[in-house]
Every structure is written in structure tokens, then in C-alpha cells.
């Protein structure tokens, strides 16, 4: 009984297979055979039309191999599948068993969304897939796409292109190694090295994985993303970019390179406002001013950059630390103007230059606008400079006055002038033996100092001065430190990595009203302008794994 059932099942399957796979001739002006030249073939000539499972094929001449269920068409070939696809070519072969058609010679394929042009095209009707191996072009209402290899999925309206992929519209050009493009939505998903170039302003984006909406000119990238603007380059692990609004946001391992001002800014979250010439960066941000032989590193909780290159302002807010090989510093906030080269330190500022610790109510230093090298220094109100005696634990050379003015050469502090109520205390050692010989305490209206290798080599007292030199044993112990003396060596960033360390148990001086208002106004102005322009949030929900 089982054998009989199996036999019947095989017969039924064979009958069904032959019924569903048979190519049917619908029309032909001439039908003949030539067994010598075309063994096993029926020769069809003139207005030939065949049908097979919902598709028709028209041509001028053809060979039909009924046993093999093969059809070979020549001249003005048209393959039509309902209202889903129609294609034209000079030649075509169709296998009724596999439902695969190969067309070549001036091939064009159309559906409701696009037109495909190529030299050779394979159409797998079972899978509803078109494939070209040797170069093709797809054109829709928005874009023209070219690639060496391509696959078009009819049901999904998805075009998968590989090798030298190029998508062009009047505004942008996309070059890629591998992408998926949807002709019904004009969305592109990138899976290899890709570059999007704006044809109007030459803005470029590079990435190796991401999403691009050709309708809105919005993109989101998640691998090796780089945004090339007119005056800066932005690199990040992931990058969102809204070109019409000029807004970008970046996450993790961010590097912003200012090609005009020789500045690099790094961090782990940033927002860029292209139309405002502005950006801010947080999460371990650091601004690096590149110099000829050295670089200055500046870190704070937030770095805000505003303005065009010639008038650019860099503001660093809260817990600011500076590191350079021969200059370090810290304060609450910093304001740097590219236009003037002036940097101002706010709230409890302190600088270390070589062995010298410098403090005051306000510290400013001027840099050369072209080279970024340090030019001059101003310490205003309650200026105080301390230098620890290298051979004694509790001895400190000290300079104090109303203001201190300094000059740099080759980024080294070489000149200082203390103006107003100047005081100095110095431990004088023998040049050869380094034995402590005397201690000198002086007061004057102004005092000038010449430094070499960050050591004071000459002192000049101006106007009226008075003082005394003591033998070490006779110097009063209660006069060893000037009023306001605080040695803060434990706060000094001694390596670049130290600028990221948070200080513990540090008591801050109250923020002066004017300085606080300046900082708050800068924040409010930037926020107001940014909101006025409008921006979108990063599209973290985009499905970049879509294939």
C-alpha cells in the first residue's frame, strides 16, 4: 500500500511540475524546425510571443527547446512581468525550469520607481531579483546610481550595489564601496568606505558604515566618521549630520581640527552649529594649540568655540587645567580670543612657569596670533610669585606686589616687572658650593627681574626701595612667608594626562560678580542663537543593520 501511495505521489508531482513549468507559445508568424542546424529546437520568426507563469516575452526571432524548457530570443526583446517590471534588450535566454532570464545588448529595465540600464542583466523570477555583473545605472526621480555590480530586489525596491558605487543628484554625490539604496524612499544604507560630497559648497562626509537620506540630506554614521567643513574637520566614532540646518552631533573619540588656527579639540560628545560657526564639546574635552616645537593642552568640563576664524573665541568652563612643557595652569574658566591673541583666566587662577608659581586675582597672557607662541603675561591685583628653594624643604623665594607683567621668548619666561608695593624675599646661595649665605628681604615701588632657564639671574629695584640682608641664623622665622602665601604644588599638572585628574578637597574663592556674569552671558547667548536656528536630535534609533 505504501509503495502504491509513493508511486501515485511521484506521478502527481511530475504532472504538476510539467504543467507549471511549461513555456507556452502565444504567437509567431512562422514556426519551423531545422534539426541539422538547431537540433531539438522549434524556430519561431516574426512577432514572437511566449508566456510562462505570469510573464511574457516578445521578440523578432527565437528558438524554443521544449524538452529542456529553454527559450532563446533575438531582436527587440521585451520581457514583461505583470505591472511590476518590463525590460528591453537585443538578446535574451530564458530557462523555464529555473525561471532565470539572461538579457544582453542595450538592456533597460523599468518598474514604477526606477529605470535600470546595463549591458548584461540576469532576472531571477523565482526570487524576484535583477542582477548585473559588468556595470549598470539606475535612475529614479531623485538620484542616478552607477556601480560595477548591482542587485535589485523587486519586492523590497532595494538596490544593493558593490564596487565603485556612485549616487548623484543636483545637490550631492555619494561614492561608496557597498550600499543598499531603496528606490521608493531614496534612502541609502552604507556598508563600506563611503564619501558624500556637497556639490554646492564642497562639504564632505566620510564613513565606513551609516545611513543617508537623499531627500532631507540628513545622515548618520557609526564607523570611522569624518565631516569635512570649510575650515574644520570633525572625526568621531559616530556622527549625525543635518546639512540643511548645518547641525552635527558626534559621539566618542571626537577630534575637531581647525585648519585655519592650528587648533585640535578632542572629547567624547560634541555639537556643531555650522551656520553659527560654533561648536561645544564635553566629556573629557581638551583643546590643543599646535606650536612649532610644543603644544598647549587645555581641559575643562565644557569647551565652547564661537565665531569665524579671524574673530574666533574659545571659552573653557569649569575645572580648567592647562599643560605645556614649560607652562602649566588652572582656574575655573578661560576666555581666549583668536582676534587679539589674549587669554584670560577667571576665578582663583594659577600658573606654573618652570619652578615659579604665579597667582593673582586675574591672569592674562598674550600669544602670537600667527605662531601661537607665548608673548607676554599680566597678573593683576594681589600678584604673587613663589619659587621653592631647591635645597631646603621650607624655604621659598617670593615676589609680591599689586601687578606683575612678564615677557616670553621662545615660550620661556625671561622678564618680570612687579608694579606697585613690590616685595621680594630671596635665599642667596653660593654659586659653586650652593651653601646658603644670606637672606634678602626688599620692598620697592617696582622691581624688575631677568630670568634664564626659569631662574632669576638679575634684580633691579626701581624708585624708592628699602630692605635688609640677613645671615641665615638671624632671619626672623615669622617673616619667612609673605601674607597670602599658599604653596600649591600638589595641584600642578606635571604631565598632559594630569589635566584630566579631578582635584580633591580644594576650596574655591568666590566667583567675582563681573566674571560670573560674563560667563553666564556667553552661555545664554550661545544657547539662544542655537535654539533660534533649530536642530534635530541624533537619530540613535536608525536601523543600520538593515540589509
Protein backbone atom coordinates (compact mmCIF):
# COMPACT_ATOMS: atom_id res chain seq x y z
CA UNK A 1 0.00 0.00 0.00
CA UNK A 2 2.83 2.37 0.89
CA UNK A 3 4.57 1.65 -2.43
CA UNK A 4 1.37 2.38 -4.37
CA UNK A 5 0.89 5.70 -2.49
CA UNK A 6 4.50 6.76 -3.13
CA UNK A 7 4.14 5.92 -6.85
CA UNK A 8 0.93 7.98 -7.13
CA UNK A 9 2.59 10.89 -5.31
CA UNK A 10 5.56 10.85 -7.72
CA UNK A 11 3.23 10.85 -10.74
CA UNK A 12 1.19 13.74 -9.33
CA UNK A 13 4.32 15.76 -8.59
CA UNK A 14 5.71 15.13 -12.09
CA UNK A 15 2.43 16.15 -13.72
CA UNK A 16 2.22 19.28 -11.57
CA UNK A 17 5.85 20.19 -12.33
CA UNK A 18 5.39 19.81 -16.06
CA UNK A 19 2.16 21.83 -16.01
CA UNK A 20 3.56 24.76 -14.06
CA UNK A 21 6.96 24.96 -15.76
CA UNK A 22 5.96 24.65 -19.43
CA UNK A 23 6.76 27.60 -21.75
CA UNK A 24 3.78 28.42 -23.98
CA UNK A 25 3.92 29.93 -27.47
CA UNK A 26 1.29 32.67 -27.78
CA UNK A 27 2.10 33.89 -31.30
CA UNK A 28 4.55 33.58 -34.18
CA UNK A 29 4.29 34.34 -37.91
CA UNK A 30 6.47 31.36 -38.85
CA UNK A 31 7.14 28.17 -36.89
CA UNK A 32 9.57 25.62 -38.29
CA UNK A 33 12.42 23.23 -37.42
CA UNK A 34 15.97 22.62 -38.63
CA UNK A 35 17.30 19.54 -36.87
CA UNK A 36 20.63 19.76 -38.64
CA UNK A 37 21.32 23.31 -37.55
CA UNK A 38 19.21 23.57 -34.35
CA UNK A 39 18.59 20.02 -33.11
CA UNK A 40 15.60 19.78 -30.74
CA UNK A 41 14.54 23.38 -31.29
CA UNK A 42 11.43 24.99 -32.71
CA UNK A 43 12.33 28.01 -34.82
CA UNK A 44 9.98 30.96 -34.35
CA UNK A 45 10.11 34.01 -36.68
CA UNK A 46 8.14 37.27 -36.67
CA UNK A 47 6.14 38.82 -33.80
CA UNK A 48 7.13 36.01 -31.48
CA UNK A 49 5.48 35.97 -28.06
CA UNK A 50 5.70 33.34 -25.33
CA UNK A 51 4.27 33.14 -21.80
CA UNK A 52 5.45 31.48 -18.62
CA UNK A 53 3.93 31.72 -15.14
CA UNK A 54 2.74 35.32 -15.21
CA UNK A 55 5.40 36.69 -17.55
CA UNK A 56 5.54 37.24 -21.30
CA UNK A 57 8.46 37.59 -23.68
CA UNK A 58 8.28 39.27 -27.10
CA UNK A 59 10.97 39.26 -29.82
CA UNK A 60 11.63 39.11 -33.58
CA UNK A 61 13.10 35.60 -33.74
CA UNK A 62 13.56 32.77 -31.26
CA UNK A 63 14.47 29.16 -30.59
CA UNK A 64 12.29 27.12 -28.21
CA UNK A 65 13.72 23.89 -26.79
CA UNK A 66 10.58 22.24 -25.48
CA UNK A 67 12.31 19.27 -23.88
CA UNK A 68 14.76 21.47 -22.00
CA UNK A 69 12.18 24.20 -21.44
CA UNK A 70 14.66 26.78 -22.80
CA UNK A 71 13.92 29.87 -24.87
CA UNK A 72 16.46 31.92 -26.86
CA UNK A 73 15.28 35.30 -28.17
CA UNK A 74 16.86 37.65 -30.72
CA UNK A 75 15.94 41.21 -31.73
CA UNK A 76 13.81 43.78 -29.89
CA UNK A 77 13.35 41.53 -26.90
CA UNK A 78 10.74 42.59 -24.33
CA UNK A 79 10.26 40.73 -21.03
CA UNK A 80 7.19 41.79 -19.06
CA UNK A 81 6.01 40.55 -15.68
CA UNK A 82 2.53 41.91 -14.98
CA UNK A 83 2.76 45.55 -13.96
CA UNK A 84 5.86 45.03 -11.77
CA UNK A 85 8.71 45.02 -14.30
CA UNK A 86 9.35 45.41 -18.01
CA UNK A 87 12.74 45.08 -19.67
CA UNK A 88 14.18 45.59 -23.15
CA UNK A 89 17.30 44.11 -24.79
CA UNK A 90 18.81 42.88 -28.04
CA UNK A 91 19.10 39.26 -26.89
CA UNK A 92 17.74 37.04 -24.11
CA UNK A 93 17.82 33.46 -22.86
CA UNK A 94 15.11 32.13 -20.56
CA UNK A 95 15.13 28.88 -18.57
CA UNK A 96 11.59 27.82 -17.71
CA UNK A 97 12.77 25.34 -15.09
CA UNK A 98 14.85 27.81 -13.03
CA UNK A 99 12.81 30.88 -14.07
CA UNK A 100 16.06 32.76 -14.75
CA UNK A 101 16.40 35.09 -17.73
CA UNK A 102 19.68 36.44 -19.09
CA UNK A 103 19.43 39.56 -21.26
CA UNK A 104 22.26 41.35 -23.04
CA UNK A 105 22.81 44.14 -25.51
CA UNK A 106 21.36 47.59 -24.68
CA UNK A 107 19.44 46.31 -21.69
CA UNK A 108 16.85 48.52 -19.98
CA UNK A 109 14.54 47.52 -17.12
CA UNK A 110 11.70 49.62 -15.68
CA UNK A 111 9.38 49.45 -12.73
CA UNK A 112 7.21 52.17 -11.19
CA UNK A 113 10.16 53.60 -9.24
CA UNK A 114 13.23 53.37 -11.49
CA UNK A 115 14.94 52.69 -14.79
CA UNK A 116 17.94 50.33 -14.92
CA UNK A 117 20.42 50.40 -17.83
CA UNK A 118 23.22 47.88 -18.35
CA UNK A 119 24.87 45.63 -20.94
CA UNK A 120 24.05 42.30 -19.30
CA UNK A 121 21.22 41.57 -16.85
CA UNK A 122 20.09 38.43 -15.02
CA UNK A 123 16.48 38.20 -13.85
CA UNK A 124 15.67 35.52 -11.27
CA UNK A 125 11.88 35.43 -11.33
CA UNK A 126 11.68 32.87 -8.53
CA UNK A 127 13.42 35.26 -6.14
CA UNK A 128 12.27 38.45 -7.90
CA UNK A 129 15.86 39.70 -8.20
CA UNK A 130 17.67 41.52 -11.01
CA UNK A 131 21.48 41.32 -11.15
CA UNK A 132 24.10 42.89 -13.38
CA UNK A 133 27.82 41.89 -13.18
CA UNK A 134 29.52 44.36 -15.52
CA UNK A 135 28.36 47.88 -14.78
CA UNK A 136 24.90 49.42 -14.62
CA UNK A 137 22.95 52.60 -14.00
CA UNK A 138 19.73 53.09 -12.01
CA UNK A 139 17.77 56.32 -12.36
CA UNK A 140 14.78 57.37 -10.25
CA UNK A 141 13.03 60.70 -9.60
CA UNK A 142 15.73 61.80 -7.14
CA UNK A 143 19.06 60.13 -7.96
CA UNK A 144 21.19 58.45 -10.57
CA UNK A 145 23.14 55.45 -9.29
CA UNK A 146 26.02 53.69 -11.00
CA UNK A 147 28.11 50.69 -9.93
CA UNK A 148 30.19 47.84 -11.32
CA UNK A 149 27.95 45.18 -9.73
CA UNK A 150 24.35 45.50 -8.61
CA UNK A 151 21.33 43.57 -7.41
CA UNK A 152 17.78 44.92 -7.43
CA UNK A 153 15.16 43.27 -5.21
CA UNK A 154 11.80 43.97 -6.85
CA UNK A 155 9.58 43.34 -3.82
CA UNK A 156 11.64 45.49 -1.44
CA UNK A 157 12.55 48.10 -4.05
CA UNK A 158 16.07 47.66 -2.71
CA UNK A 159 19.15 48.07 -4.83
CA UNK A 160 22.36 46.51 -3.45
CA UNK A 161 25.40 47.94 -5.20
CA UNK A 162 29.06 46.98 -4.90
CA UNK A 163 32.36 48.23 -6.32
CA UNK A 164 32.74 51.85 -7.44
CA UNK A 165 29.21 52.87 -6.45
CA UNK A 166 28.22 56.42 -7.38
CA UNK A 167 24.92 58.15 -6.47
CA UNK A 168 24.37 61.66 -7.86
CA UNK A 169 21.64 64.30 -7.65
CA UNK A 170 21.79 68.08 -8.26
CA UNK A 171 22.96 68.72 -4.68
CA UNK A 172 25.19 65.81 -3.66
CA UNK A 173 27.39 62.99 -4.85
CA UNK A 174 27.80 59.75 -2.91
CA UNK A 175 30.73 57.42 -3.65
CA UNK A 176 30.84 54.06 -1.90
CA UNK A 177 32.23 50.55 -1.96
CA UNK A 178 28.97 48.91 -0.90
CA UNK A 179 25.50 50.27 -0.21
CA UNK A 180 21.80 49.44 -0.21
CA UNK A 181 19.54 52.02 -1.87
CA UNK A 182 15.72 52.00 -1.73
CA UNK A 183 14.14 53.47 -4.84
CA UNK A 184 10.72 54.00 -3.19
CA UNK A 185 12.15 56.05 -0.27
CA UNK A 186 15.50 57.31 -1.66
CA UNK A 187 17.27 56.09 1.49
CA UNK A 188 20.82 54.70 1.36
CA UNK A 189 22.48 52.37 3.89
CA UNK A 190 26.27 52.30 3.64
CA UNK A 191 28.37 49.22 4.41
CA UNK A 192 31.84 50.14 3.16
CA UNK A 193 34.15 53.15 2.69
CA UNK A 194 31.82 55.96 1.54
CA UNK A 195 32.10 59.69 0.83
CA UNK A 196 29.25 62.18 0.45
CA UNK A 197 30.22 65.44 -1.28
CA UNK A 198 28.00 68.51 -1.39
CA UNK A 199 28.30 69.86 -4.94
CA UNK A 200 27.46 73.44 -3.90
CA UNK A 201 29.94 74.09 -1.08
CA UNK A 202 32.29 71.04 -1.29
CA UNK A 203 31.42 69.86 2.23
CA UNK A 204 32.36 66.18 2.58
CA UNK A 205 31.46 63.30 4.88
CA UNK A 206 33.39 60.02 5.05
CA UNK A 207 32.30 56.86 6.83
CA UNK A 208 32.51 53.10 6.60
CA UNK A 209 29.03 52.34 7.89
CA UNK A 210 25.97 54.53 8.11
CA UNK A 211 22.68 55.89 6.81
CA UNK A 212 21.93 58.70 4.34
CA UNK A 213 18.54 60.21 3.45
CA UNK A 214 18.92 61.74 -0.01
CA UNK A 215 15.55 63.53 0.37
CA UNK A 216 16.38 65.51 3.51
CA UNK A 217 20.19 65.48 3.25
CA UNK A 218 20.37 64.02 6.77
CA UNK A 219 22.94 61.33 7.57
CA UNK A 220 24.06 59.21 10.50
CA UNK A 221 27.33 57.26 10.62
CA UNK A 222 28.70 54.73 13.12
CA UNK A 223 32.16 53.77 11.88
CA UNK A 224 35.20 56.00 11.23
CA UNK A 225 33.02 59.04 10.60
CA UNK A 226 34.67 62.24 9.31
CA UNK A 227 32.98 65.53 8.46
CA UNK A 228 34.98 67.98 6.31
CA UNK A 229 33.68 71.54 6.64
CA UNK A 230 35.23 74.63 5.07
CA UNK A 231 37.56 75.45 7.97
CA UNK A 232 37.45 72.39 10.20
CA UNK A 233 37.41 68.61 10.15
CA UNK A 234 35.41 66.53 12.65
CA UNK A 235 36.18 62.86 13.33
CA UNK A 236 34.21 60.58 15.68
CA UNK A 237 33.08 57.03 16.30
CA UNK A 238 29.53 58.12 15.38
CA UNK A 239 28.27 61.26 13.69
CA UNK A 240 24.82 62.73 12.94
CA UNK A 241 24.64 65.50 10.32
CA UNK A 242 21.70 67.61 9.20
CA UNK A 243 23.10 69.51 6.23
CA UNK A 244 20.19 71.96 5.63
CA UNK A 245 20.27 73.10 9.27
CA UNK A 246 24.07 72.99 9.45
CA UNK A 247 23.90 70.89 12.61
CA UNK A 248 26.08 67.93 13.58
CA UNK A 249 26.43 65.89 16.76
CA UNK A 250 29.28 63.48 17.42
CA UNK A 251 29.96 60.75 19.98
CA UNK A 252 33.16 59.19 21.34
CA UNK A 253 36.78 59.69 20.32
CA UNK A 254 35.99 63.06 18.75
CA UNK A 255 38.73 65.06 17.06
CA UNK A 256 38.00 68.55 15.69
CA UNK A 257 40.82 70.03 13.61
CA UNK A 258 40.75 73.79 12.97
CA UNK A 259 42.78 74.06 9.77
CA UNK A 260 42.97 77.88 9.98
CA UNK A 261 44.03 78.37 13.62
CA UNK A 262 46.20 75.24 14.04
CA UNK A 263 43.99 74.00 16.85
CA UNK A 264 42.76 70.50 17.69
CA UNK A 265 39.86 69.85 20.08
CA UNK A 266 39.12 66.37 21.42
CA UNK A 267 36.32 64.96 23.56
CA UNK A 268 33.51 62.40 23.65
CA UNK A 269 30.38 64.40 22.83
CA UNK A 270 30.10 67.46 20.60
CA UNK A 271 27.51 69.55 18.80
CA UNK A 272 28.46 71.68 15.80
CA UNK A 273 26.43 74.65 14.52
CA UNK A 274 27.80 75.28 11.06
CA UNK A 275 25.72 78.40 10.33
CA UNK A 276 26.83 79.97 13.62
CA UNK A 277 30.49 79.00 13.14
CA UNK A 278 30.25 77.43 16.60
CA UNK A 279 30.61 74.17 18.48
CA UNK A 280 30.72 72.86 22.01
CA UNK A 281 32.34 69.69 23.28
CA UNK A 282 32.06 67.85 26.61
CA UNK A 283 33.09 64.55 28.25
CA UNK A 284 36.84 64.92 28.80
CA UNK A 285 37.29 67.72 26.25
CA UNK A 286 40.74 69.11 25.55
CA UNK A 287 41.80 71.98 23.25
CA UNK A 288 45.30 71.66 21.78
CA UNK A 289 47.05 74.71 20.35
CA UNK A 290 49.69 73.38 17.97
CA UNK A 291 53.01 75.23 18.09
CA UNK A 292 56.27 74.75 16.20
CA UNK A 293 58.10 72.71 18.85
CA UNK A 294 55.47 72.25 21.53
CA UNK A 295 51.70 72.23 22.10
CA UNK A 296 49.48 73.73 24.79
CA UNK A 297 46.71 71.48 26.17
CA UNK A 298 43.64 72.99 27.82
CA UNK A 299 40.96 70.90 29.55
CA UNK A 300 37.70 71.79 31.30
CA UNK A 301 34.19 70.40 31.74
CA UNK A 302 32.97 72.19 28.60
CA UNK A 303 34.73 73.82 25.64
CA UNK A 304 32.74 76.33 23.58
CA UNK A 305 34.09 77.70 20.28
CA UNK A 306 32.29 80.58 18.55
CA UNK A 307 32.90 82.94 15.65
CA UNK A 308 34.64 82.95 12.29
CA UNK A 309 38.39 82.13 12.22
CA UNK A 310 39.62 85.72 12.31
CA UNK A 311 37.35 86.51 15.29
CA UNK A 312 37.13 83.09 16.91
CA UNK A 313 36.66 82.84 20.67
CA UNK A 314 37.38 79.71 22.72
CA UNK A 315 35.74 79.51 26.13
CA UNK A 316 36.53 76.69 28.55
CA UNK A 317 34.20 76.36 31.51
CA UNK A 318 34.85 74.92 34.97
CA UNK A 319 37.73 72.91 36.44
CA UNK A 320 40.13 74.19 33.80
CA UNK A 321 43.70 72.93 33.65
CA UNK A 322 46.49 73.85 31.22
CA UNK A 323 49.58 71.88 30.33
CA UNK A 324 52.60 72.81 28.26
CA UNK A 325 56.13 71.52 28.76
CA UNK A 326 57.25 74.82 30.35
CA UNK A 327 53.89 76.30 31.44
CA UNK A 328 51.01 74.84 33.43
CA UNK A 329 47.94 76.41 34.96
CA UNK A 330 44.46 76.03 36.38
CA UNK A 331 41.39 78.13 37.12
CA UNK A 332 37.61 77.86 36.91
CA UNK A 333 37.09 79.28 33.40
CA UNK A 334 39.14 80.65 30.48
CA UNK A 335 38.34 83.04 27.62
CA UNK A 336 40.69 83.05 24.59
CA UNK A 337 40.34 85.42 21.62
CA UNK A 338 41.91 84.43 18.31
CA UNK A 339 41.49 88.02 17.09
CA UNK A 340 43.64 89.57 19.85
CA UNK A 341 45.63 86.51 20.97
CA UNK A 342 44.57 87.33 24.56
CA UNK A 343 43.72 84.57 27.04
CA UNK A 344 42.06 85.48 30.33
CA UNK A 345 41.86 83.14 33.32
CA UNK A 346 38.89 83.56 35.68
CA UNK A 347 38.41 82.61 39.33
CA UNK A 348 41.36 81.59 41.50
CA UNK A 349 43.84 81.44 38.57
CA UNK A 350 47.32 79.99 38.97
CA UNK A 351 50.26 79.45 36.60
CA UNK A 352 53.44 77.45 36.94
CA UNK A 353 56.35 78.53 34.74
CA UNK A 354 59.34 76.31 35.32
CA UNK A 355 59.91 76.42 39.11
CA UNK A 356 57.75 79.53 39.55
CA UNK A 357 54.21 79.53 40.94
CA UNK A 358 52.24 82.64 39.92
CA UNK A 359 48.87 83.70 41.35
CA UNK A 360 46.66 86.79 41.30
CA UNK A 361 43.04 87.89 41.09
CA UNK A 362 43.26 87.87 37.30
CA UNK A 363 45.85 86.29 34.99
CA UNK A 364 46.11 87.11 31.30
CA UNK A 365 48.63 86.05 28.70
CA UNK A 366 49.07 87.17 25.13
CA UNK A 367 50.04 84.83 22.27
CA UNK A 368 51.35 85.49 18.78
CA UNK A 369 48.29 85.17 16.53
CA UNK A 370 50.24 83.52 13.73
CA UNK A 371 52.52 81.11 15.60
CA UNK A 372 50.51 80.66 18.86
CA UNK A 373 53.77 81.21 20.79
CA UNK A 374 53.50 82.96 24.16
CA UNK A 375 54.34 86.68 24.05
CA UNK A 376 53.55 88.36 27.36
CA UNK A 377 51.93 87.88 30.78
CA UNK A 378 49.77 90.04 33.07
CA UNK A 379 48.93 89.19 36.68
CA UNK A 380 46.53 91.81 38.01
CA UNK A 381 45.76 92.55 41.68
CA UNK A 382 47.36 90.60 44.53
CA UNK A 383 50.11 89.30 42.25
CA UNK A 384 52.28 86.69 43.96
CA UNK A 385 55.16 84.58 42.63
CA UNK A 386 56.74 81.79 44.66
CA UNK A 387 59.80 79.66 43.90
CA UNK A 388 60.78 76.83 46.19
CA UNK A 389 64.41 76.73 47.30
CA UNK A 390 65.71 73.56 45.70
CA UNK A 391 67.98 72.65 48.62
CA UNK A 392 65.73 73.42 51.58
CA UNK A 393 62.31 71.97 52.27
CA UNK A 394 60.74 75.03 53.91
CA UNK A 395 62.49 77.94 52.15
CA UNK A 396 60.68 79.83 49.36
CA UNK A 397 61.84 82.73 47.20
CA UNK A 398 58.88 85.12 46.95
CA UNK A 399 57.84 88.16 44.90
CA UNK A 400 54.69 90.07 45.70
CA UNK A 401 53.01 93.26 44.50
CA UNK A 402 49.91 94.82 43.06
CA UNK A 403 50.56 93.63 39.48
CA UNK A 404 53.16 91.52 37.66
CA UNK A 405 54.00 91.94 33.97
CA UNK A 406 56.13 89.39 32.11
CA UNK A 407 57.66 88.72 28.69
CA UNK A 408 58.26 85.37 26.95
CA UNK A 409 60.95 84.44 24.43
CA UNK A 410 60.68 81.09 22.68
CA UNK A 411 57.83 80.30 25.12
CA UNK A 412 60.15 80.76 28.15
CA UNK A 413 59.54 83.47 30.74
CA UNK A 414 62.54 85.86 30.50
CA UNK A 415 61.43 89.13 32.11
CA UNK A 416 59.21 90.15 35.04
CA UNK A 417 58.22 93.53 36.44
CA UNK A 418 56.40 93.84 39.74
CA UNK A 419 54.50 97.14 39.87
CA UNK A 420 53.09 98.69 42.99
CA UNK A 421 54.00 97.81 46.59
CA UNK A 422 56.62 95.35 45.40
CA UNK A 423 58.19 92.97 47.91
CA UNK A 424 60.82 90.28 47.45
CA UNK A 425 62.35 87.62 49.64
CA UNK A 426 65.37 85.70 48.38
CA UNK A 427 67.61 82.94 49.70
CA UNK A 428 71.07 83.62 48.30
CA UNK A 429 73.36 80.64 47.76
CA UNK A 430 77.00 80.39 46.78
CA UNK A 431 77.23 79.69 43.04
CA UNK A 432 79.81 76.94 43.50
CA UNK A 433 79.13 75.33 46.87
CA UNK A 434 75.38 76.07 46.88
CA UNK A 435 75.65 76.87 50.57
CA UNK A 436 73.05 79.32 51.89
CA UNK A 437 74.92 82.57 52.60
CA UNK A 438 72.30 85.30 53.13
CA UNK A 439 68.57 86.01 53.04
CA UNK A 440 67.47 89.31 51.50
CA UNK A 441 64.13 91.00 52.05
CA UNK A 442 63.37 94.11 49.98
CA UNK A 443 60.45 96.45 49.32
CA UNK A 444 60.16 98.98 46.49
CA UNK A 445 57.63 100.71 44.28
CA UNK A 446 58.61 98.47 41.35
CA UNK A 447 61.06 95.59 40.88
CA UNK A 448 62.42 94.16 37.60
CA UNK A 449 63.73 90.61 37.20
CA UNK A 450 65.70 88.96 34.39
CA UNK A 451 65.22 85.17 34.13
CA UNK A 452 67.21 82.48 32.37
CA UNK A 453 66.05 78.86 32.30
CA UNK A 454 63.23 79.99 34.64
CA UNK A 455 65.77 81.12 37.28
CA UNK A 456 66.16 84.78 38.33
CA UNK A 457 69.62 86.00 37.34
CA UNK A 458 69.27 89.78 37.79
CA UNK A 459 67.19 92.01 40.06
CA UNK A 460 66.66 95.76 39.69
CA UNK A 461 64.81 97.87 42.28
CA UNK A 462 63.12 100.96 40.84
CA UNK A 463 62.28 104.22 42.62
CA UNK A 464 62.48 104.18 46.38
CA UNK A 465 63.48 100.87 47.98
CA UNK A 466 64.40 99.62 51.38
CA UNK A 467 65.41 96.26 52.72
CA UNK A 468 67.87 94.21 54.63
CA UNK A 469 70.14 91.23 54.11
CA UNK A 470 70.34 88.75 56.97
CA UNK A 471 72.70 85.91 57.86
CA UNK A 472 70.56 82.76 57.79
CA UNK A 473 70.76 82.33 61.56
CA UNK A 474 69.42 85.85 62.23
CA UNK A 475 66.45 85.88 59.86
CA UNK A 476 63.15 86.10 61.80
CA UNK A 477 61.23 82.86 61.37
CA UNK A 478 57.85 84.67 61.36
CA UNK A 479 58.89 86.61 58.23
CA UNK A 480 59.67 83.57 56.09
CA UNK A 481 56.34 83.80 54.28
CA UNK A 482 54.53 86.83 52.95
CA UNK A 483 50.89 87.40 53.79
CA UNK A 484 48.67 85.36 51.49
CA UNK A 485 51.33 82.66 50.94
CA UNK A 486 49.90 79.33 49.71
CA UNK A 487 52.14 76.69 48.13
CA UNK A 488 50.01 74.68 45.66
CA UNK A 489 52.46 72.30 44.06
CA UNK A 490 50.12 69.33 44.64
CA UNK A 491 47.62 70.96 42.22
CA UNK A 492 50.14 71.37 39.39
CA UNK A 493 49.53 69.17 36.31
CA UNK A 494 53.00 67.78 35.65
CA UNK A 495 52.06 65.67 32.64
CA UNK A 496 49.45 66.09 29.94
CA UNK A 497 47.41 63.25 31.49
CA UNK A 498 47.21 65.17 34.81
CA UNK A 499 44.86 67.77 33.33
CA UNK A 500 42.07 65.17 33.44
CA UNK A 501 42.52 64.43 37.15
CA UNK A 502 39.91 65.97 39.43
CA UNK A 503 41.19 67.88 42.47
CA UNK A 504 40.01 66.79 45.89
CA UNK A 505 39.05 68.98 48.84
CA UNK A 506 40.02 72.21 47.07
CA UNK A 507 38.31 75.32 48.50
CA UNK A 508 37.47 77.80 45.72
CA UNK A 509 37.44 81.56 46.09
CA UNK A 510 34.01 83.11 45.46
CA UNK A 511 33.39 83.97 41.81
CA UNK A 512 33.55 87.73 41.28
CA UNK A 513 30.26 89.13 40.07
CA UNK A 514 31.55 90.54 36.76
CA UNK A 515 33.40 87.37 35.81
CA UNK A 516 30.36 85.25 36.69
CA UNK A 517 28.09 87.49 34.62
CA UNK A 518 30.47 87.29 31.62
CA UNK A 519 30.44 83.50 31.70
CA UNK A 520 26.67 83.27 32.15
CA UNK A 521 26.01 85.77 29.33
CA UNK A 522 28.24 83.78 26.95
CA UNK A 523 26.32 80.58 27.72
CA UNK A 524 22.90 82.23 27.38
CA UNK A 525 23.80 83.96 24.10
CA UNK A 526 25.07 80.75 22.53
CA UNK A 527 22.02 78.74 23.68
CA UNK A 528 19.61 81.40 22.39
CA UNK A 529 21.26 81.55 18.96
CA UNK A 530 21.40 77.78 18.67
CA UNK A 531 17.71 77.37 19.52
CA UNK A 532 16.80 80.14 17.08
CA UNK A 533 18.46 78.20 14.24
CA UNK A 534 16.85 74.93 15.37
CA UNK A 535 18.38 71.49 15.42
CA UNK A 536 17.46 67.79 15.41
CA UNK A 537 18.43 65.18 17.95
CA UNK A 538 20.82 62.38 16.89
CA UNK A 539 18.95 59.50 15.29
CA UNK A 540 20.20 56.72 17.54
CA UNK A 541 17.17 54.59 16.65
CA UNK A 542 18.09 54.16 12.97
CA UNK A 543 18.37 50.54 11.90
CA UNK A 544 21.86 50.43 10.38
CA UNK A 545 21.81 46.66 10.19
CA UNK A 546 19.10 46.70 7.56
CA UNK A 547 20.09 44.54 4.63
